[in-house]
């Protein structure tokens, strides 16, 4: 029983870490978009788009990881039930 509790605790910690990373990516995207709207980006549009696209891809990967983790958490919880 203790191992199952520890496993769920570790999964919950991993979920929190993924949510923090996703939030960080969201913040980065917003700040970059604000910077672009406040500055002259003449000739830098492609670079800015590439940076935003890369950060967005990282965020999507993290969201996929979070989805899989939540699925795993649901399976672990279901297995615990009698």
PDB file of N, CA and C in Angstrom:
ATOM      1  N   UNK A   1       0.817  -1.190   0.000  1.00  0.00           N
ATOM      2  CA  UNK A   1       0.000   0.000   0.000  1.00  0.00           C
ATOM      3  C   UNK A   1       0.864   1.258   0.000  1.00  0.00           C
ATOM      4  N   UNK A   2       1.941   1.216   0.763  1.00  0.00           N
ATOM      5  CA  UNK A   2       2.838   2.373   0.853  1.00  0.00           C
ATOM      6  C   UNK A   2       3.466   2.679  -0.502  1.00  0.00           C
ATOM      7  N   UNK A   3       3.799   1.637  -1.255  1.00  0.00           N
ATOM      8  CA  UNK A   3       4.408   1.825  -2.573  1.00  0.00           C
ATOM      9  C   UNK A   3       3.428   2.517  -3.513  1.00  0.00           C
ATOM     10  N   UNK A   4       2.153   2.117  -3.453  1.00  0.00           N
ATOM     11  CA  UNK A   4       1.134   2.745  -4.297  1.00  0.00           C
ATOM     12  C   UNK A   4       0.969   4.221  -3.946  1.00  0.00           C
ATOM     13  N   UNK A   5       0.973   4.535  -2.669  1.00  0.00           N
ATOM     14  CA  UNK A   5       0.853   5.926  -2.228  1.00  0.00           C
ATOM     15  C   UNK A   5       2.052   6.732  -2.700  1.00  0.00           C
ATOM     16  N   UNK A   6       3.247   6.154  -2.545  1.00  0.00           N
ATOM     17  CA  UNK A   6       4.465   6.831  -3.009  1.00  0.00           C
ATOM     18  C   UNK A   6       4.408   7.058  -4.514  1.00  0.00           C
ATOM     19  N   UNK A   7       3.921   6.059  -5.256  1.00  0.00           N
ATOM     20  CA  UNK A   7       3.813   6.182  -6.711  1.00  0.00           C
ATOM     21  C   UNK A   7       2.863   7.293  -7.107  1.00  0.00           C
ATOM     22  N   UNK A   8       1.723   7.356  -6.447  1.00  0.00           N
ATOM     23  CA  UNK A   8       0.762   8.425  -6.741  1.00  0.00           C
ATOM     24  C   UNK A   8       1.331   9.784  -6.370  1.00  0.00           C
ATOM     25  N   UNK A   9       2.078   9.830  -5.267  1.00  0.00           N
ATOM     26  CA  UNK A   9       2.701  11.088  -4.843  1.00  0.00           C
ATOM     27  C   UNK A   9       3.722  11.556  -5.886  1.00  0.00           C
ATOM     28  N   UNK A  10       4.520  10.627  -6.392  1.00  0.00           N
ATOM     29  CA  UNK A  10       5.506  10.972  -7.422  1.00  0.00           C
ATOM     30  C   UNK A  10       4.820  11.450  -8.695  1.00  0.00           C
ATOM     31  N   UNK A  11       3.725  10.796  -9.069  1.00  0.00           N
ATOM     32  CA  UNK A  11       2.980  11.219 -10.257  1.00  0.00           C
ATOM     33  C   UNK A  11       2.398  12.616 -10.051  1.00  0.00           C
ATOM     34  N   UNK A  12       1.901  12.893  -8.853  1.00  0.00           N
ATOM     35  CA  UNK A  12       1.354  14.218  -8.554  1.00  0.00           C
ATOM     36  C   UNK A  12       2.447  15.292  -8.621  1.00  0.00           C
ATOM     37  N   UNK A  13       3.638  14.948  -8.128  1.00  0.00           N
ATOM     38  CA  UNK A  13       4.758  15.902  -8.203  1.00  0.00           C
ATOM     39  C   UNK A  13       5.133  16.166  -9.663  1.00  0.00           C
ATOM     40  N   UNK A  14       5.157  15.107 -10.459  1.00  0.00           N
ATOM     41  CA  UNK A  14       5.488  15.266 -11.875  1.00  0.00           C
ATOM     42  C   UNK A  14       4.425  16.109 -12.582  1.00  0.00           C
ATOM     43  N   UNK A  15       3.162  15.918 -12.196  1.00  0.00           N
ATOM     44  CA  UNK A  15       2.086  16.723 -12.773  1.00  0.00           C
ATOM     45  C   UNK A  15       2.299  18.202 -12.449  1.00  0.00           C
ATOM     46  N   UNK A  16       2.639  18.505 -11.219  1.00  0.00           N
ATOM     47  CA  UNK A  16       2.895  19.896 -10.818  1.00  0.00           C
ATOM     48  C   UNK A  16       4.055  20.494 -11.611  1.00  0.00           C
ATOM     49  N   UNK A  17       5.120  19.718 -11.788  1.00  0.00           N
ATOM     50  CA  UNK A  17       6.271  20.207 -12.546  1.00  0.00           C
ATOM     51  C   UNK A  17       5.902  20.497 -14.003  1.00  0.00           C
ATOM     52  N   UNK A  18       5.129  19.600 -14.602  1.00  0.00           N
ATOM     53  CA  UNK A  18       4.708  19.823 -15.985  1.00  0.00           C
ATOM     54  C   UNK A  18       3.829  21.063 -16.097  1.00  0.00           C
ATOM     55  N   UNK A  19       2.919  21.259 -15.150  1.00  0.00           N
ATOM     56  CA  UNK A  19       2.066  22.440 -15.182  1.00  0.00           C
ATOM     57  C   UNK A  19       2.886  23.719 -15.038  1.00  0.00           C
ATOM     58  N   UNK A  20       3.926  23.688 -14.205  1.00  0.00           N
ATOM     59  CA  UNK A  20       4.797  24.865 -14.055  1.00  0.00           C
ATOM     60  C   UNK A  20       5.552  25.146 -15.346  1.00  0.00           C
ATOM     61  N   UNK A  21       6.031  24.112 -16.000  1.00  0.00           N
ATOM     62  CA  UNK A  21       6.759  24.288 -17.261  1.00  0.00           C
ATOM     63  C   UNK A  21       5.842  24.837 -18.347  1.00  0.00           C
ATOM     64  N   UNK A  22       4.603  24.334 -18.385  1.00  0.00           N
ATOM     65  CA  UNK A  22       3.633  24.839 -19.360  1.00  0.00           C
ATOM     66  C   UNK A  22       3.340  26.310 -19.092  1.00  0.00           C
ATOM     67  N   UNK A  23       3.157  26.652 -17.853  1.00  0.00           N
ATOM     68  CA  UNK A  23       2.906  28.043 -17.481  1.00  0.00           C
ATOM     69  C   UNK A  23       4.079  28.936 -17.877  1.00  0.00           C
ATOM     70  N   UNK A  24       5.290  28.437 -17.686  1.00  0.00           N
ATOM     71  CA  UNK A  24       6.482  29.195 -18.069  1.00  0.00           C
ATOM     72  C   UNK A  24       6.493  29.446 -19.576  1.00  0.00           C
ATOM     73  N   UNK A  25       6.195  28.419 -20.362  1.00  0.00           N
ATOM     74  CA  UNK A  25       6.149  28.582 -21.816  1.00  0.00           C
ATOM     75  C   UNK A  25       5.095  29.606 -22.217  1.00  0.00           C
ATOM     76  N   UNK A  26       3.921  29.522 -21.586  1.00  0.00           N
ATOM     77  CA  UNK A  26       2.858  30.487 -21.879  1.00  0.00           C
ATOM     78  C   UNK A  26       3.330  31.907 -21.583  1.00  0.00           C
ATOM     79  N   UNK A  27       3.998  32.071 -20.458  1.00  0.00           N
ATOM     80  CA  UNK A  27       4.517  33.392 -20.094  1.00  0.00           C
ATOM     81  C   UNK A  27       5.543  33.899 -21.093  1.00  0.00           C
ATOM     82  N   UNK A  28       6.430  33.015 -21.522  1.00  0.00           N
ATOM     83  CA  UNK A  28       7.441  33.393 -22.521  1.00  0.00           C
ATOM     84  C   UNK A  28       6.775  33.845 -23.815  1.00  0.00           C
ATOM     85  N   UNK A  29       5.792  33.088 -24.271  1.00  0.00           N
ATOM     86  CA  UNK A  29       5.093  33.449 -25.506  1.00  0.00           C
ATOM     87  C   UNK A  29       4.436  34.819 -25.377  1.00  0.00           C
ATOM     88  N   UNK A  30       3.770  35.049 -24.263  1.00  0.00           N
ATOM     89  CA  UNK A  30       3.101  36.341 -24.072  1.00  0.00           C
ATOM     90  C   UNK A  30       4.099  37.492 -24.047  1.00  0.00           C
ATOM     91  N   UNK A  31       5.206  37.308 -23.351  1.00  0.00           N
ATOM     92  CA  UNK A  31       6.212  38.373 -23.270  1.00  0.00           C
ATOM     93  C   UNK A  31       6.843  38.653 -24.633  1.00  0.00           C
ATOM     94  N   UNK A  32       7.109  37.612 -25.389  1.00  0.00           N
ATOM     95  CA  UNK A  32       7.679  37.807 -26.726  1.00  0.00           C
ATOM     96  C   UNK A  32       6.679  38.521 -27.623  1.00  0.00           C
ATOM     97  N   UNK A  33       5.415  38.120 -27.542  1.00  0.00           N
ATOM     98  CA  UNK A  33       4.397  38.792 -28.348  1.00  0.00           C
ATOM     99  C   UNK A  33       4.262  40.263 -27.960  1.00  0.00           C
ATOM    100  N   UNK A  34       4.324  40.556 -26.663  1.00  0.00           N
ATOM    101  CA  UNK A  34       4.277  41.958 -26.218  1.00  0.00           C
ATOM    102  C   UNK A  34       5.485  42.721 -26.754  1.00  0.00           C
ATOM    103  N   UNK A  35       6.653  42.111 -26.680  1.00  0.00           N
ATOM    104  CA  UNK A  35       7.874  42.751 -27.165  1.00  0.00           C
ATOM    105  C   UNK A  35       7.754  43.065 -28.651  1.00  0.00           C
ATOM    106  N   UNK A  36       7.261  42.103 -29.411  1.00  0.00           N
ATOM    107  CA  UNK A  36       7.116  42.295 -30.853  1.00  0.00           C
ATOM    108  C   UNK A  36       6.139  43.426 -31.149  1.00  0.00           C
ATOM    109  N   UNK A  37       5.036  43.485 -30.407  1.00  0.00           N
ATOM    110  CA  UNK A  37       4.046  44.526 -30.677  1.00  0.00           C
ATOM    111  C   UNK A  37       4.538  45.920 -30.268  1.00  0.00           C
ATOM    112  N   UNK A  38       5.519  45.990 -29.365  1.00  0.00           N
ATOM    113  CA  UNK A  38       6.027  47.283 -28.901  1.00  0.00           C
ATOM    114  C   UNK A  38       7.290  47.740 -29.619  1.00  0.00           C
ATOM    115  N   UNK A  39       7.884  46.881 -30.422  1.00  0.00           N
ATOM    116  CA  UNK A  39       9.152  47.223 -31.073  1.00  0.00           C
ATOM    117  C   UNK A  39       9.042  47.109 -32.575  1.00  0.00           C
ATOM    118  N   UNK A  40       9.949  47.790 -33.215  1.00  0.00           N
ATOM    119  CA  UNK A  40      10.060  47.647 -34.655  1.00  0.00           C
ATOM    120  C   UNK A  40      10.841  46.371 -34.940  1.00  0.00           C
ATOM    121  N   UNK A  41      10.205  45.451 -35.624  1.00  0.00           N
ATOM    122  CA  UNK A  41      10.843  44.171 -35.907  1.00  0.00           C
ATOM    123  C   UNK A  41      11.221  44.072 -37.388  1.00  0.00           C
ATOM    124  N   UNK A  42      11.468  45.189 -38.006  1.00  0.00           N
ATOM    125  CA  UNK A  42      11.775  45.219 -39.425  1.00  0.00           C
ATOM    126  C   UNK A  42      12.874  44.217 -39.768  1.00  0.00           C
ATOM    127  N   UNK A  43      12.535  43.279 -40.616  1.00  0.00           N
ATOM    128  CA  UNK A  43      13.497  42.277 -41.054  1.00  0.00           C
ATOM    129  C   UNK A  43      13.673  41.118 -40.082  1.00  0.00           C
ATOM    130  N   UNK A  44      13.014  41.163 -38.948  1.00  0.00           N
ATOM    131  CA  UNK A  44      13.196  40.122 -37.934  1.00  0.00           C
ATOM    132  C   UNK A  44      11.944  39.243 -37.768  1.00  0.00           C
ATOM    133  N   UNK A  45      10.951  39.435 -38.624  1.00  0.00           N
ATOM    134  CA  UNK A  45       9.684  38.728 -38.472  1.00  0.00           C
ATOM    135  C   UNK A  45       9.854  37.213 -38.546  1.00  0.00           C
ATOM    136  N   UNK A  46      10.668  36.750 -39.467  1.00  0.00           N
ATOM    137  CA  UNK A  46      10.869  35.303 -39.632  1.00  0.00           C
ATOM    138  C   UNK A  46      11.532  34.724 -38.390  1.00  0.00           C
ATOM    139  N   UNK A  47      12.537  35.412 -37.875  1.00  0.00           N
ATOM    140  CA  UNK A  47      13.213  34.933 -36.669  1.00  0.00           C
ATOM    141  C   UNK A  47      12.241  34.895 -35.487  1.00  0.00           C
ATOM    142  N   UNK A  48      11.440  35.946 -35.338  1.00  0.00           N
ATOM    143  CA  UNK A  48      10.475  35.991 -34.235  1.00  0.00           C
ATOM    144  C   UNK A  48       9.471  34.862 -34.375  1.00  0.00           C
ATOM    145  N   UNK A  49       9.012  34.608 -35.584  1.00  0.00           N
ATOM    146  CA  UNK A  49       8.058  33.523 -35.811  1.00  0.00           C
ATOM    147  C   UNK A  49       8.687  32.168 -35.480  1.00  0.00           C
ATOM    148  N   UNK A  50       9.942  31.986 -35.840  1.00  0.00           N
ATOM    149  CA  UNK A  50      10.634  30.727 -35.530  1.00  0.00           C
ATOM    150  C   UNK A  50      10.767  30.520 -34.019  1.00  0.00           C
ATOM    151  N   UNK A  51      11.106  31.581 -33.306  1.00  0.00           N
ATOM    152  CA  UNK A  51      11.233  31.485 -31.852  1.00  0.00           C
ATOM    153  C   UNK A  51       9.889  31.143 -31.227  1.00  0.00           C
ATOM    154  N   UNK A  52       8.843  31.857 -31.635  1.00  0.00           N
ATOM    155  CA  UNK A  52       7.510  31.587 -31.102  1.00  0.00           C
ATOM    156  C   UNK A  52       7.064  30.159 -31.429  1.00  0.00           C
ATOM    157  N   UNK A  53       7.344  29.716 -32.633  1.00  0.00           N
ATOM    158  CA  UNK A  53       6.959  28.366 -33.045  1.00  0.00           C
ATOM    159  C   UNK A  53       7.689  27.307 -32.226  1.00  0.00           C
ATOM    160  N   UNK A  54       8.968  27.525 -31.959  1.00  0.00           N
ATOM    161  CA  UNK A  54       9.746  26.564 -31.154  1.00  0.00           C
ATOM    162  C   UNK A  54       9.206  26.485 -29.723  1.00  0.00           C
ATOM    163  N   UNK A  55       8.940  27.629 -29.128  1.00  0.00           N
ATOM    164  CA  UNK A  55       8.406  27.630 -27.760  1.00  0.00           C
ATOM    165  C   UNK A  55       7.023  26.987 -27.739  1.00  0.00           C
ATOM    166  N   UNK A  56       6.219  27.281 -28.742  1.00  0.00           N
ATOM    167  CA  UNK A  56       4.886  26.680 -28.828  1.00  0.00           C
ATOM    168  C   UNK A  56       4.987  25.153 -28.956  1.00  0.00           C
ATOM    169  N   UNK A  57       5.933  24.669 -29.740  1.00  0.00           N
ATOM    170  CA  UNK A  57       6.126  23.222 -29.903  1.00  0.00           C
ATOM    171  C   UNK A  57       6.530  22.578 -28.575  1.00  0.00           C
ATOM    172  N   UNK A  58       7.395  23.252 -27.828  1.00  0.00           N
ATOM    173  CA  UNK A  58       7.792  22.746 -26.507  1.00  0.00           C
ATOM    174  C   UNK A  58       6.566  22.668 -25.602  1.00  0.00           C
ATOM    175  N   UNK A  59       5.750  23.720 -25.624  1.00  0.00           N
ATOM    176  CA  UNK A  59       4.543  23.733 -24.801  1.00  0.00           C
ATOM    177  C   UNK A  59       3.608  22.585 -25.189  1.00  0.00           C
ATOM    178  N   UNK A  60       3.442  22.352 -26.482  1.00  0.00           N
ATOM    179  CA  UNK A  60       2.578  21.264 -26.935  1.00  0.00           C
ATOM    180  C   UNK A  60       3.117  19.908 -26.485  1.00  0.00           C
ATOM    181  N   UNK A  61       4.431  19.721 -26.551  1.00  0.00           N
ATOM    182  CA  UNK A  61       5.038  18.475 -26.076  1.00  0.00           C
ATOM    183  C   UNK A  61       4.780  18.279 -24.582  1.00  0.00           C
ATOM    184  N   UNK A  62       4.907  19.357 -23.823  1.00  0.00           N
ATOM    185  CA  UNK A  62       4.645  19.283 -22.385  1.00  0.00           C
ATOM    186  C   UNK A  62       3.185  18.946 -22.112  1.00  0.00           C
ATOM    187  N   UNK A  63       2.281  19.521 -22.895  1.00  0.00           N
ATOM    188  CA  UNK A  63       0.857  19.225 -22.726  1.00  0.00           C
ATOM    189  C   UNK A  63       0.557  17.759 -23.062  1.00  0.00           C
ATOM    190  N   UNK A  64       1.238  17.230 -24.061  1.00  0.00           N
ATOM    191  CA  UNK A  64       1.078  15.813 -24.398  1.00  0.00           C
ATOM    192  C   UNK A  64       1.592  14.946 -23.252  1.00  0.00           C
ATOM    193  N   UNK A  65       2.742  15.313 -22.708  1.00  0.00           N
ATOM    194  CA  UNK A  65       3.280  14.577 -21.555  1.00  0.00           C
ATOM    195  C   UNK A  65       2.300  14.628 -20.380  1.00  0.00           C
ATOM    196  N   UNK A  66       1.700  15.791 -20.154  1.00  0.00           N
ATOM    197  CA  UNK A  66       0.736  15.945 -19.068  1.00  0.00           C
ATOM    198  C   UNK A  66      -0.496  15.071 -19.306  1.00  0.00           C
ATOM    199  N   UNK A  67      -0.956  15.008 -20.533  1.00  0.00           N
ATOM    200  CA  UNK A  67      -2.095  14.162 -20.870  1.00  0.00           C
ATOM    201  C   UNK A  67      -1.784  12.695 -20.567  1.00  0.00           C
ATOM    202  N   UNK A  68      -0.616  12.230 -20.986  1.00  0.00           N
ATOM    203  CA  UNK A  68      -0.223  10.843 -20.735  1.00  0.00           C
ATOM    204  C   UNK A  68      -0.070  10.576 -19.242  1.00  0.00           C
ATOM    205  N   UNK A  69       0.492  11.525 -18.535  1.00  0.00           N
ATOM    206  CA  UNK A  69       0.653  11.374 -17.086  1.00  0.00           C
ATOM    207  C   UNK A  69      -0.707  11.273 -16.399  1.00  0.00           C
ATOM    208  N   UNK A  70      -1.637  12.127 -16.799  1.00  0.00           N
ATOM    209  CA  UNK A  70      -2.970  12.087 -16.195  1.00  0.00           C
ATOM    210  C   UNK A  70      -3.680  10.775 -16.517  1.00  0.00           C
ATOM    211  N   UNK A  71      -3.457  10.258 -17.704  1.00  0.00           N
ATOM    212  CA  UNK A  71      -4.003   8.951 -18.053  1.00  0.00           C
ATOM    213  C   UNK A  71      -3.419   7.879 -17.137  1.00  0.00           C
ATOM    214  N   UNK A  72      -2.100   7.926 -16.951  1.00  0.00           N
ATOM    215  CA  UNK A  72      -1.436   6.979 -16.052  1.00  0.00           C
ATOM    216  C   UNK A  72      -1.974   7.105 -14.625  1.00  0.00           C
ATOM    217  N   UNK A  73      -2.182   8.344 -14.179  1.00  0.00           N
ATOM    218  CA  UNK A  73      -2.724   8.559 -12.833  1.00  0.00           C
ATOM    219  C   UNK A  73      -4.128   7.968 -12.712  1.00  0.00           C
ATOM    220  N   UNK A  74      -4.920   8.103 -13.760  1.00  0.00           N
ATOM    221  CA  UNK A  74      -6.262   7.538 -13.744  1.00  0.00           C
ATOM    222  C   UNK A  74      -6.230   6.025 -13.694  1.00  0.00           C
ATOM    223  N   UNK A  75      -5.299   5.424 -14.428  1.00  0.00           N
ATOM    224  CA  UNK A  75      -5.153   3.965 -14.419  1.00  0.00           C
ATOM    225  C   UNK A  75      -4.712   3.476 -13.049  1.00  0.00           C
ATOM    226  N   UNK A  76      -3.749   4.178 -12.449  1.00  0.00           N
ATOM    227  CA  UNK A  76      -3.272   3.788 -11.126  1.00  0.00           C
ATOM    228  C   UNK A  76      -4.404   3.892 -10.105  1.00  0.00           C
ATOM    229  N   UNK A  77      -5.195   4.949 -10.198  1.00  0.00           N
ATOM    230  CA  UNK A  77      -6.316   5.133  -9.275  1.00  0.00           C
ATOM    231  C   UNK A  77      -7.362   4.039  -9.487  1.00  0.00           C
ATOM    232  N   UNK A  78      -7.619   3.708 -10.726  1.00  0.00           N
ATOM    233  CA  UNK A  78      -8.618   2.664 -11.043  1.00  0.00           C
ATOM    234  C   UNK A  78      -8.146   1.303 -10.541  1.00  0.00           C
ATOM    235  N   UNK A  79      -6.850   1.020 -10.668  1.00  0.00           N
ATOM    236  CA  UNK A  79      -6.311  -0.263 -10.217  1.00  0.00           C
ATOM    237  C   UNK A  79      -6.405  -0.407  -8.690  1.00  0.00           C
ATOM    238  N   UNK A  80      -6.393   0.703  -7.990  1.00  0.00           N
ATOM    239  CA  UNK A  80      -6.435   0.700  -6.527  1.00  0.00           C
ATOM    240  C   UNK A  80      -7.826   0.289  -6.014  1.00  0.00           C
ATOM    241  N   UNK A  81      -8.851   0.581  -6.813  1.00  0.00           N
ATOM    242  CA  UNK A  81     -10.219   0.286  -6.392  1.00  0.00           C
ATOM    243  C   UNK A  81     -10.443  -1.223  -6.347  1.00  0.00           C
ATOM    244  N   UNK A  82     -11.214  -1.680  -5.366  1.00  0.00           N
ATOM    245  CA  UNK A  82     -11.474  -3.140  -5.239  1.00  0.00           C
ATOM    246  C   UNK A  82     -12.398  -3.664  -6.325  1.00  0.00           C
TER     247      UNK A  82
END
